[in-house]
Amino acid sequence: MTSTNLLSRRQILGGAASAAGALVACGGGTVPGPRAVARPNILVLLSDQHRWDWLGRNPDVPAPTPNMDALARRGVDFSGAIVPSPVCGPSRSCLGSGMEYENCGVEVNRQPYRPEITTFYRHLRDSGYHTMACGKIDLHKGASGRTLDGRRNMEPWGFSDMLITAGKGGGYFGAPAGPKEPYYAYLASLDPPQDRICAEDIARRSEPREENWWGMTDPCPLDDEHYLDNFTARTGLDLLDRAPEGRPWFLIVNFNGPHPPMDITRRMERGYRGPDRVIEGFPQPSGYSGPFASEQHLRIRQNYSAMVENIDGWLGTYQQRLAARGELEDTVVVYSSDHGEMLGDRGRWGKSVPFQASAGVPLIMAGPGIAQGARSSALVSLMDLAATCLDYGDLPVPAEMESRSLRSLLDRGRGEHREYARSALRTGAAAAGRFRMVQDRRYKLVEGFFGEKTLYDREADPLETENIAAGKPGEVARLGKLFAEG
């Protein structure tokens, strides 16, 4: 288990200032990255539900993310990354396939990934990479994807080694009650067993949804060693340790946090509400009119940030491990998330909506040949990681993939990437039904969400609160032509 640094509020702000100073010191430009290598290793840390702005580099949010900030200082930090669909399964299927939502084969969470659509993981493996995965990969949601060995679909997905877990509460209940995947099997093996205790805690946090899933902020019954994200991180390190020597490797570590419920450990709570440390300066949600008082929003955001900070600590641990192995300079390191989290903004929680807090994610990359200290506002999509990884693996991007490599932008640390980016969801379970959206550097057009076309000026209205479609028919028509047919 990694130990996360305990930082004071002054140290947090000081670290943010240092990061900003490092970027300013580049004079608006960038410095070259370490030497490029043929077919580097690739490490992807992918969290679940980390919104784009919840980072220590954001002066409006006192979220301690020293390792993510440091990764940004030695690489490229993308501020304009969105996901092809703001829901777990579809988003990760778009990533694996390198395809837009309408073509990835997964429209809703319960649909399994289609094996006939070759993943970029498989392309890497078949070319000689040792490919590994652990955690909540979400290419098979529901009971059909759960196995105690965590290796179902390893071959068709394209992994050489893996250990896949379910969501926080998905591995225990169901007839008969008991462990159904590796994490709950691990909890059951403890003395005394912790599987039922954990499952019942998750269950009590589930309903009513908003009141408990987000609003219940008391600590979980597990200690840090047995906390799910820490189990996932240790599993990834174990996979790395048994990777064969002499071959490039790819590893994707899929964390469950900061996805709700807000089940932090007691140690994590002490770092936000005392006595170890107190962090209180979180902004209240924008446009909220629900039942939660300001103090409850503060606690929710403290818990959310604690889960982000815990993952940030593991990012530091992985890089330390790579340095000890002599591989850090030869490894492309990526941090991102599958979608964001509304956190009460506009009175909404979770994802599955077309607003930036839901569809926007962090995306940070560093490694051999990658420019250092660059902040890019280029429009990029999470699925672009597929083509990017293939590019670093010296492989062609298949014609059917809609993913676009970020390699040239990473080399220079500047430039444009996409003229527009799309996101969509086709499920009645979404907050307001089906929608699709397309955005360029200034405007975002949404169809289907409010039953009418909605246009936002992202420069003048970053919170996306004013529909200007009636006054901008030309922009509505122009962006409308960019939607995929059908």
Protein backbone atom coordinates (compact mmCIF):
# COMPACT_ATOMS: atom_id res chain seq x y z
CA MET A 1 0.00 0.00 0.00
CA THR A 2 1.35 3.39 -0.95
CA SER A 3 1.46 6.16 1.60
CA THR A 4 -0.06 9.41 0.38
CA ASN A 5 1.77 12.53 1.48
CA LEU A 6 -0.07 14.59 4.08
CA LEU A 7 -0.12 18.17 2.85
CA SER A 8 -1.29 21.35 4.50
CA ARG A 9 -3.55 23.76 2.68
CA ARG A 10 -0.54 26.08 2.28
CA GLN A 11 1.54 23.26 0.81
CA ILE A 12 -1.26 22.36 -1.59
CA LEU A 13 -1.48 25.90 -2.90
CA GLY A 14 2.30 26.16 -2.95
CA GLY A 15 2.54 23.02 -5.04
CA ALA A 16 -0.02 24.39 -7.47
CA ALA A 17 1.95 27.61 -7.69
CA SER A 18 5.16 25.67 -8.33
CA ALA A 19 3.46 23.73 -11.13
CA ALA A 20 2.19 26.94 -12.67
CA GLY A 21 5.66 28.43 -12.35
CA ALA A 22 7.20 25.47 -14.11
CA LEU A 23 4.89 25.98 -17.07
CA VAL A 24 5.51 29.71 -17.14
CA ALA A 25 9.25 29.01 -17.07
CA CYS A 26 8.84 27.25 -20.40
CA GLY A 27 8.04 30.65 -21.85
CA GLY A 28 4.86 29.42 -23.47
CA GLY A 29 6.83 26.73 -25.24
CA THR A 30 8.00 23.28 -24.27
CA VAL A 31 11.21 21.38 -23.75
CA PRO A 32 11.95 18.08 -25.48
CA GLY A 33 11.10 14.89 -23.65
CA PRO A 34 13.61 12.13 -22.93
CA ARG A 35 14.93 10.25 -25.91
CA ALA A 36 12.41 8.35 -27.97
CA VAL A 37 12.73 4.57 -27.90
CA ALA A 38 11.52 1.92 -30.27
CA ARG A 39 8.30 0.35 -29.01
CA PRO A 40 8.23 1.78 -25.47
CA ASN A 41 6.35 0.23 -22.58
CA ILE A 42 2.91 1.76 -22.03
CA LEU A 43 1.27 2.24 -18.62
CA VAL A 44 -2.33 3.49 -18.50
CA LEU A 45 -3.96 4.37 -15.18
CA LEU A 46 -7.68 4.78 -15.82
CA SER A 47 -9.99 5.91 -13.02
CA ASP A 48 -13.78 5.81 -12.99
CA GLN A 49 -15.74 9.08 -12.86
CA HIS A 50 -12.94 11.65 -12.45
CA ARG A 51 -14.17 14.98 -13.80
CA TRP A 52 -11.78 17.08 -15.85
CA ASP A 53 -11.32 19.98 -13.42
CA TRP A 54 -10.76 18.08 -10.14
CA LEU A 55 -6.99 18.45 -10.04
CA GLY A 56 -4.49 20.29 -7.90
CA ARG A 57 -3.56 22.47 -10.87
CA ASN A 58 -7.00 24.05 -10.76
CA PRO A 59 -6.78 27.00 -8.32
CA ASP A 60 -10.53 26.82 -7.71
CA VAL A 61 -10.41 23.25 -6.34
CA PRO A 62 -8.06 22.38 -3.44
CA ALA A 63 -7.63 18.79 -4.58
CA PRO A 64 -4.17 17.44 -3.68
CA THR A 65 -2.91 15.64 -6.80
CA PRO A 66 0.88 16.12 -6.58
CA ASN A 67 1.72 13.13 -8.78
CA MET A 68 -0.74 14.03 -11.53
CA ASP A 69 0.60 17.58 -11.41
CA ALA A 70 4.17 16.28 -11.63
CA LEU A 71 3.22 14.03 -14.56
CA ALA A 72 1.82 17.10 -16.31
CA ARG A 73 5.06 18.99 -15.71
CA ARG A 74 7.10 16.27 -17.41
CA GLY A 75 4.60 15.67 -20.21
CA VAL A 76 1.52 17.02 -21.97
CA ASP A 77 -1.64 17.97 -20.07
CA PHE A 78 -4.79 17.96 -22.23
CA SER A 79 -7.49 20.30 -20.93
CA GLY A 80 -9.91 19.63 -23.79
CA ALA A 81 -10.39 15.85 -23.51
CA ILE A 82 -13.92 14.41 -23.67
CA VAL A 83 -15.25 10.87 -23.82
CA PRO A 84 -17.21 9.34 -26.73
CA SER A 85 -19.98 8.39 -24.27
CA PRO A 86 -20.27 9.48 -20.62
CA VAL A 87 -21.07 6.01 -19.24
CA CYS A 88 -18.64 3.29 -18.09
CA GLY A 89 -19.20 0.38 -20.50
CA PRO A 90 -19.71 2.36 -23.71
CA SER A 91 -16.83 4.72 -22.94
CA ARG A 92 -14.38 1.89 -22.29
CA SER A 93 -15.63 0.03 -25.36
CA CYS A 94 -14.94 3.10 -27.47
CA LEU A 95 -11.46 3.20 -25.97
CA GLY A 96 -10.76 -0.49 -26.60
CA SER A 97 -12.13 -0.47 -30.14
CA GLY A 98 -10.89 2.99 -31.12
CA MET A 99 -14.36 3.69 -32.48
CA GLU A 100 -17.05 6.29 -31.95
CA TYR A 101 -20.04 5.40 -29.79
CA GLU A 102 -22.35 4.48 -32.65
CA ASN A 103 -19.80 1.98 -34.01
CA CYS A 104 -18.18 0.45 -30.90
CA GLY A 105 -20.93 -2.18 -30.48
CA VAL A 106 -21.89 -1.24 -26.90
CA GLU A 107 -24.76 1.21 -26.39
CA VAL A 108 -25.55 0.55 -22.72
CA ASN A 109 -23.68 -0.76 -19.69
CA ARG A 110 -25.25 -4.21 -19.74
CA GLN A 111 -24.13 -4.99 -23.28
CA PRO A 112 -20.89 -7.03 -23.42
CA TYR A 113 -18.08 -6.06 -25.74
CA ARG A 114 -18.36 -7.82 -29.09
CA PRO A 115 -15.37 -10.15 -29.62
CA GLU A 116 -15.42 -9.68 -33.39
CA ILE A 117 -14.35 -6.05 -32.90
CA THR A 118 -10.61 -6.32 -32.41
CA THR A 119 -9.27 -4.20 -29.55
CA PHE A 120 -6.08 -2.20 -29.77
CA TYR A 121 -4.93 -4.34 -26.83
CA ARG A 122 -5.06 -7.35 -29.12
CA HIS A 123 -3.19 -5.57 -31.90
CA LEU A 124 -0.44 -4.77 -29.41
CA ARG A 125 -0.34 -8.32 -28.06
CA ASP A 126 -0.28 -9.91 -31.50
CA SER A 127 2.66 -7.68 -32.45
CA GLY A 128 4.79 -8.88 -29.52
CA TYR A 129 3.74 -6.74 -26.58
CA HIS A 130 3.03 -8.45 -23.27
CA THR A 131 -0.40 -6.94 -22.52
CA MET A 132 -1.88 -6.82 -19.02
CA ALA A 133 -5.06 -5.51 -17.37
CA CYS A 134 -6.52 -5.40 -13.88
CA GLY A 135 -9.45 -3.83 -12.06
CA LYS A 136 -12.83 -2.71 -13.37
CA ILE A 137 -12.31 -2.81 -17.12
CA ASP A 138 -16.10 -2.82 -17.75
CA LEU A 139 -16.05 -4.62 -21.09
CA HIS A 140 -18.47 -7.12 -19.61
CA LYS A 141 -20.88 -5.59 -17.12
CA GLY A 142 -23.16 -7.74 -15.00
CA ALA A 143 -23.03 -11.28 -13.69
CA SER A 144 -21.99 -12.86 -17.00
CA GLY A 145 -18.59 -11.24 -16.82
CA ARG A 146 -17.67 -12.23 -13.27
CA THR A 147 -15.33 -15.10 -12.60
CA LEU A 148 -13.26 -15.92 -9.55
CA ASP A 149 -10.06 -16.08 -11.58
CA GLY A 150 -10.72 -12.69 -13.23
CA ARG A 151 -9.60 -13.97 -16.62
CA ARG A 152 -12.78 -14.38 -18.65
CA ASN A 153 -12.37 -13.09 -22.22
CA MET A 154 -8.63 -12.58 -21.76
CA GLU A 155 -7.84 -14.08 -25.17
CA PRO A 156 -10.43 -12.28 -27.35
CA TRP A 157 -9.87 -8.94 -25.60
CA GLY A 158 -6.17 -9.26 -26.34
CA PHE A 159 -4.45 -9.64 -22.98
CA SER A 160 -1.50 -11.84 -22.13
CA ASP A 161 -2.28 -11.68 -18.40
CA MET A 162 -5.05 -10.07 -16.40
CA LEU A 163 -7.14 -10.05 -13.26
CA ILE A 164 -10.48 -8.28 -13.72
CA THR A 165 -12.78 -7.31 -10.85
CA ALA A 166 -16.36 -6.08 -10.69
CA GLY A 167 -17.71 -2.79 -9.35
CA LYS A 168 -17.69 -1.97 -5.67
CA GLY A 169 -20.74 -4.04 -4.84
CA GLY A 170 -21.06 -6.27 -7.88
CA GLY A 171 -19.04 -9.23 -6.74
CA TYR A 172 -21.01 -10.64 -3.83
CA PHE A 173 -24.80 -10.54 -3.96
CA GLY A 174 -26.89 -12.78 -6.20
CA ALA A 175 -27.83 -16.41 -5.69
CA PRO A 176 -26.00 -17.79 -3.91
CA ALA A 177 -24.53 -14.90 -1.92
CA GLY A 178 -20.77 -15.02 -1.79
CA PRO A 179 -17.66 -14.03 -3.73
CA LYS A 180 -18.03 -14.08 -7.50
CA GLU A 181 -14.85 -12.30 -8.57
CA PRO A 182 -11.27 -11.83 -7.31
CA TYR A 183 -11.72 -8.88 -4.95
CA TYR A 184 -14.52 -10.42 -2.91
CA ALA A 185 -12.66 -13.74 -2.94
CA TYR A 186 -9.70 -11.89 -1.46
CA LEU A 187 -11.90 -10.31 1.22
CA ALA A 188 -13.34 -13.75 2.04
CA SER A 189 -9.84 -15.16 2.52
CA LEU A 190 -9.01 -12.70 5.32
CA ASP A 191 -9.13 -13.62 8.98
CA PRO A 192 -11.76 -12.65 9.91
CA PRO A 193 -13.49 -12.57 6.49
CA GLN A 194 -14.45 -9.11 5.24
CA ASP A 195 -16.52 -9.95 2.15
CA ARG A 196 -20.01 -9.79 3.62
CA ILE A 197 -19.17 -6.73 5.74
CA CYS A 198 -18.01 -4.87 2.65
CA ALA A 199 -20.96 -5.96 0.49
CA GLU A 200 -23.51 -4.96 3.11
CA ASP A 201 -21.88 -1.57 3.52
CA ILE A 202 -22.07 -0.95 -0.22
CA ALA A 203 -25.69 -2.12 -0.27
CA ARG A 204 -26.75 0.31 2.45
CA ARG A 205 -25.19 3.15 0.48
CA SER A 206 -27.18 2.38 -2.65
CA GLU A 207 -30.76 3.50 -2.08
CA PRO A 208 -32.22 6.06 -2.09
CA ARG A 209 -29.78 6.89 -4.82
CA GLU A 210 -28.76 10.51 -4.29
CA GLU A 211 -29.28 10.53 -0.53
CA ASN A 212 -27.02 7.50 0.04
CA TRP A 213 -24.90 6.92 -3.09
CA TRP A 214 -23.42 10.41 -2.88
CA GLY A 215 -24.75 11.78 0.40
CA MET A 216 -23.58 9.02 2.75
CA THR A 217 -20.04 10.13 3.55
CA ASP A 218 -19.15 8.15 6.69
CA PRO A 219 -16.09 5.88 6.38
CA CYS A 220 -16.35 2.31 5.13
CA PRO A 221 -15.57 -0.61 7.47
CA LEU A 222 -12.40 -1.62 5.60
CA ASP A 223 -8.89 -0.45 6.40
CA ASP A 224 -6.55 0.88 3.73
CA GLU A 225 -4.89 -2.43 2.94
CA HIS A 226 -8.18 -4.05 1.95
CA TYR A 227 -9.75 -1.04 0.17
CA LEU A 228 -10.71 -1.91 -3.42
CA ASP A 229 -8.58 0.64 -5.28
CA ASN A 230 -5.55 -0.39 -3.23
CA PHE A 231 -6.19 -4.07 -4.04
CA THR A 232 -6.43 -3.13 -7.73
CA ALA A 233 -3.18 -1.17 -7.63
CA ARG A 234 -1.28 -3.98 -5.91
CA THR A 235 -2.65 -6.42 -8.48
CA GLY A 236 -1.24 -4.27 -11.27
CA LEU A 237 2.16 -4.23 -9.63
CA ASP A 238 2.03 -8.03 -9.34
CA LEU A 239 1.20 -8.31 -13.05
CA LEU A 240 4.13 -6.05 -13.84
CA ASP A 241 6.51 -8.08 -11.70
CA ARG A 242 5.71 -11.28 -13.57
CA ALA A 243 5.93 -9.76 -17.05
CA PRO A 244 8.63 -11.49 -19.13
CA GLU A 245 11.92 -9.71 -19.65
CA GLY A 246 13.05 -8.65 -23.08
CA ARG A 247 9.60 -7.70 -24.41
CA PRO A 248 7.80 -4.36 -24.39
CA TRP A 249 4.73 -4.39 -22.19
CA PHE A 250 1.36 -2.65 -21.94
CA LEU A 251 -0.53 -2.41 -18.64
CA ILE A 252 -3.91 -0.79 -17.99
CA VAL A 253 -4.91 -0.38 -14.33
CA ASN A 254 -8.64 0.28 -13.96
CA PHE A 255 -9.52 1.91 -10.64
CA ASN A 256 -13.05 1.98 -9.20
CA GLY A 257 -12.67 5.43 -7.65
CA PRO A 258 -13.71 8.16 -7.51
CA HIS A 259 -16.98 6.52 -8.59
CA PRO A 260 -19.64 6.62 -5.83
CA PRO A 261 -20.53 5.50 -3.25
CA MET A 262 -18.34 7.87 -1.29
CA ASP A 263 -16.85 5.04 0.76
CA ILE A 264 -13.49 6.35 1.87
CA THR A 265 -11.43 4.74 4.65
CA ARG A 266 -10.97 6.24 8.09
CA ARG A 267 -7.42 7.28 7.23
CA MET A 268 -8.64 9.07 4.11
CA GLU A 269 -11.29 10.89 6.16
CA ARG A 270 -8.72 12.02 8.72
CA GLY A 271 -6.81 13.72 5.91
CA TYR A 272 -9.79 15.91 5.00
CA ARG A 273 -11.79 16.47 8.18
CA GLY A 274 -9.01 16.11 10.77
CA PRO A 275 -7.14 15.47 12.88
CA ASP A 276 -4.35 14.70 10.38
CA ARG A 277 -5.31 17.48 7.97
CA VAL A 278 -8.34 19.62 7.12
CA ILE A 279 -9.26 20.72 3.58
CA GLU A 280 -12.39 22.85 3.40
CA GLY A 281 -12.07 25.20 0.46
CA PHE A 282 -14.12 23.23 -2.06
CA PRO A 283 -16.57 25.23 -4.16
CA GLN A 284 -20.28 24.57 -3.78
CA PRO A 285 -22.03 23.05 -6.81
CA SER A 286 -23.24 25.42 -9.48
CA GLY A 287 -27.00 25.74 -9.97
CA TYR A 288 -27.94 23.27 -7.24
CA SER A 289 -31.47 23.44 -5.82
CA GLY A 290 -31.81 20.07 -4.08
CA PRO A 291 -32.06 19.05 -0.43
CA PHE A 292 -28.39 18.90 0.52
CA ALA A 293 -27.07 21.71 2.71
CA SER A 294 -23.70 23.34 2.04
CA GLU A 295 -22.01 21.28 4.77
CA GLN A 296 -23.16 18.07 3.11
CA HIS A 297 -21.81 19.21 -0.25
CA LEU A 298 -18.50 19.92 1.46
CA ARG A 299 -18.33 16.40 2.88
CA ILE A 300 -19.25 14.84 -0.47
CA ARG A 301 -16.52 16.80 -2.21
CA GLN A 302 -14.01 15.97 0.49
CA ASN A 303 -14.73 12.26 0.00
CA TYR A 304 -14.57 12.58 -3.77
CA SER A 305 -11.22 14.34 -3.56
CA ALA A 306 -9.91 11.77 -1.07
CA MET A 307 -10.58 9.00 -3.60
CA VAL A 308 -8.83 11.01 -6.33
CA GLU A 309 -5.87 11.67 -4.03
CA ASN A 310 -5.58 7.98 -3.19
CA ILE A 311 -5.29 7.14 -6.90
CA ASP A 312 -2.80 9.98 -7.29
CA GLY A 313 -0.64 8.32 -4.64
CA TRP A 314 -0.61 5.10 -6.65
CA LEU A 315 0.44 7.02 -9.76
CA GLY A 316 3.49 8.07 -7.77
CA THR A 317 4.10 4.52 -6.57
CA TYR A 318 3.96 3.10 -10.10
CA GLN A 319 6.47 5.63 -11.36
CA GLN A 320 8.77 4.86 -8.44
CA ARG A 321 8.52 1.17 -9.29
CA LEU A 322 9.34 1.88 -12.94
CA ALA A 323 12.33 3.97 -11.90
CA ALA A 324 13.57 1.15 -9.65
CA ARG A 325 13.22 -1.26 -12.58
CA GLY A 326 15.15 1.12 -14.84
CA GLU A 327 12.09 1.51 -17.10
CA LEU A 328 10.67 4.95 -16.36
CA GLU A 329 12.54 6.66 -19.21
CA ASP A 330 11.32 3.94 -21.61
CA THR A 331 7.65 3.99 -20.59
CA VAL A 332 4.77 6.13 -21.83
CA VAL A 333 2.67 6.91 -18.73
CA VAL A 334 -0.98 7.89 -19.20
CA TYR A 335 -3.55 9.05 -16.67
CA SER A 336 -7.21 9.53 -17.61
CA SER A 337 -10.77 8.50 -16.70
CA ASP A 338 -13.77 6.94 -18.43
CA HIS A 339 -16.09 9.92 -17.77
CA GLY A 340 -16.72 12.70 -15.30
CA GLU A 341 -19.07 13.41 -12.37
CA MET A 342 -21.62 16.22 -12.01
CA LEU A 343 -21.21 16.44 -8.19
CA GLY A 344 -24.48 18.33 -7.84
CA ASP A 345 -23.83 20.89 -10.59
CA ARG A 346 -27.13 21.88 -12.21
CA GLY A 347 -28.80 19.73 -9.55
CA ARG A 348 -27.45 16.54 -11.18
CA TRP A 349 -25.29 13.70 -9.95
CA GLY A 350 -23.17 11.13 -11.71
CA LYS A 351 -22.62 10.99 -15.44
CA SER A 352 -24.75 10.14 -18.53
CA VAL A 353 -25.43 13.79 -19.41
CA PRO A 354 -23.80 15.98 -22.09
CA PHE A 355 -22.38 18.67 -19.81
CA GLN A 356 -18.63 19.19 -19.42
CA ALA A 357 -18.49 17.94 -15.82
CA SER A 358 -19.91 14.62 -17.07
CA ALA A 359 -18.18 14.26 -20.45
CA GLY A 360 -14.84 15.97 -19.74
CA VAL A 361 -11.92 14.03 -18.22
CA PRO A 362 -8.29 14.60 -17.31
CA LEU A 363 -5.78 13.31 -19.84
CA ILE A 364 -2.07 13.53 -19.04
CA MET A 365 0.75 11.77 -20.89
CA ALA A 366 4.51 11.69 -20.35
CA GLY A 367 7.32 9.51 -21.59
CA PRO A 368 10.09 9.08 -24.15
CA GLY A 369 9.97 11.71 -26.86
CA ILE A 370 7.00 13.51 -25.31
CA ALA A 371 7.40 17.26 -24.84
CA GLN A 372 7.68 18.40 -21.24
CA GLY A 373 5.62 21.05 -19.48
CA ALA A 374 3.01 21.49 -22.21
CA ARG A 375 -0.64 22.30 -21.61
CA SER A 376 -2.79 21.65 -24.66
CA SER A 377 -6.33 22.87 -25.21
CA ALA A 378 -6.67 20.80 -28.39
CA LEU A 379 -9.90 18.83 -28.78
CA VAL A 380 -9.14 15.18 -28.11
CA SER A 381 -11.23 12.10 -27.40
CA LEU A 382 -10.50 9.31 -24.93
CA MET A 383 -10.70 6.84 -27.81
CA ASP A 384 -7.66 8.57 -29.36
CA LEU A 385 -5.53 6.61 -26.89
CA ALA A 386 -6.12 3.52 -29.05
CA ALA A 387 -4.39 4.94 -32.14
CA THR A 388 -1.78 6.64 -29.96
CA CYS A 389 -0.76 3.39 -28.30
CA LEU A 390 -0.61 1.63 -31.67
CA ASP A 391 1.53 4.47 -32.99
CA TYR A 392 3.98 4.10 -30.10
CA GLY A 393 3.95 0.36 -30.74
CA ASP A 394 5.03 1.06 -34.34
CA LEU A 395 1.78 -0.39 -35.67
CA PRO A 396 -0.59 0.96 -38.33
CA VAL A 397 -4.00 2.15 -37.23
CA PRO A 398 -6.63 -0.16 -38.77
CA ALA A 399 -8.85 1.52 -41.35
CA GLU A 400 -11.99 0.81 -39.34
CA MET A 401 -10.71 2.71 -36.31
CA GLU A 402 -11.89 6.30 -35.88
CA SER A 403 -9.25 6.95 -33.23
CA ARG A 404 -6.54 9.47 -34.15
CA SER A 405 -3.00 9.29 -32.83
CA LEU A 406 -1.85 12.09 -30.54
CA ARG A 407 1.79 11.32 -31.31
CA SER A 408 2.66 14.42 -33.32
CA LEU A 409 0.99 16.69 -30.78
CA LEU A 410 2.83 14.91 -27.97
CA ASP A 411 6.14 15.29 -29.80
CA ARG A 412 5.68 19.06 -30.25
CA GLY A 413 3.59 19.80 -27.15
CA ARG A 414 1.35 22.06 -29.20
CA GLY A 415 -0.96 22.09 -32.21
CA GLU A 416 -4.50 21.16 -33.08
CA HIS A 417 -5.92 17.65 -33.23
CA ARG A 418 -9.64 17.46 -34.01
CA GLU A 419 -11.85 20.15 -35.52
CA TYR A 420 -14.71 18.69 -33.51
CA ALA A 421 -15.45 15.87 -31.08
CA ARG A 422 -18.62 13.89 -30.47
CA SER A 423 -20.29 12.09 -27.57
CA ALA A 424 -23.59 10.25 -27.34
CA LEU A 425 -25.83 7.95 -25.32
CA ARG A 426 -28.81 5.90 -26.45
CA THR A 427 -30.50 4.66 -23.33
CA GLY A 428 -33.76 5.52 -21.64
CA ALA A 429 -31.94 5.18 -18.33
CA ALA A 430 -30.00 8.38 -19.03
CA ALA A 431 -30.98 11.42 -17.00
CA ALA A 432 -33.11 12.79 -19.83
CA GLY A 433 -33.15 9.96 -22.36
CA ARG A 434 -31.07 9.73 -25.49
CA PHE A 435 -28.80 12.47 -26.68
CA ARG A 436 -25.91 13.21 -28.94
CA MET A 437 -23.57 16.14 -28.85
CA VAL A 438 -20.85 17.64 -30.99
CA GLN A 439 -18.48 20.41 -30.04
CA ASP A 440 -15.70 22.45 -31.56
CA ARG A 441 -13.32 24.82 -29.84
CA ARG A 442 -16.12 27.30 -29.13
CA TYR A 443 -19.62 25.85 -29.51
CA LYS A 444 -21.39 22.72 -28.30
CA LEU A 445 -24.59 21.43 -29.92
CA VAL A 446 -26.78 18.93 -28.08
CA GLU A 447 -29.72 17.08 -29.62
CA GLY A 448 -32.28 14.99 -27.76
CA PHE A 449 -31.45 15.90 -24.18
CA PHE A 450 -34.03 18.62 -23.60
CA GLY A 451 -36.31 17.64 -26.45
CA GLU A 452 -34.89 20.47 -28.52
CA LYS A 453 -31.59 21.48 -30.03
CA THR A 454 -29.41 23.21 -27.47
CA LEU A 455 -26.39 25.34 -28.36
CA TYR A 456 -23.82 26.57 -25.84
CA ASP A 457 -21.04 29.11 -26.31
CA ARG A 458 -18.28 27.35 -24.38
CA GLU A 459 -16.09 30.46 -24.25
CA ALA A 460 -18.70 32.90 -22.96
CA ASP A 461 -20.68 30.34 -20.95
CA PRO A 462 -18.31 27.63 -19.62
CA LEU A 463 -20.98 26.31 -17.24
CA GLU A 464 -23.28 25.70 -20.24
CA THR A 465 -26.35 27.34 -18.77
CA GLU A 466 -27.72 29.45 -21.66
CA ASN A 467 -29.24 27.93 -24.79
CA ILE A 468 -28.40 30.30 -27.65
CA ALA A 469 -29.68 28.06 -30.46
CA ALA A 470 -32.47 30.46 -31.45
CA GLY A 471 -30.00 33.29 -31.98
CA LYS A 472 -27.38 31.22 -33.82
CA PRO A 473 -29.17 29.17 -36.48
CA GLY A 474 -26.08 29.13 -38.67
CA GLU A 475 -23.97 27.51 -35.95
CA VAL A 476 -26.73 24.99 -35.24
CA ALA A 477 -26.84 24.02 -38.91
CA ARG A 478 -23.05 23.86 -39.23
CA LEU A 479 -22.52 21.68 -36.19
CA GLY A 480 -25.56 19.55 -37.01
CA LYS A 481 -23.85 18.40 -40.20
CA LEU A 482 -21.04 16.92 -38.12
CA PHE A 483 -23.21 14.28 -36.44
CA ALA A 484 -22.76 10.77 -37.78
CA GLU A 485 -25.49 9.67 -40.13
CA GLY A 486 -28.29 7.76 -38.39
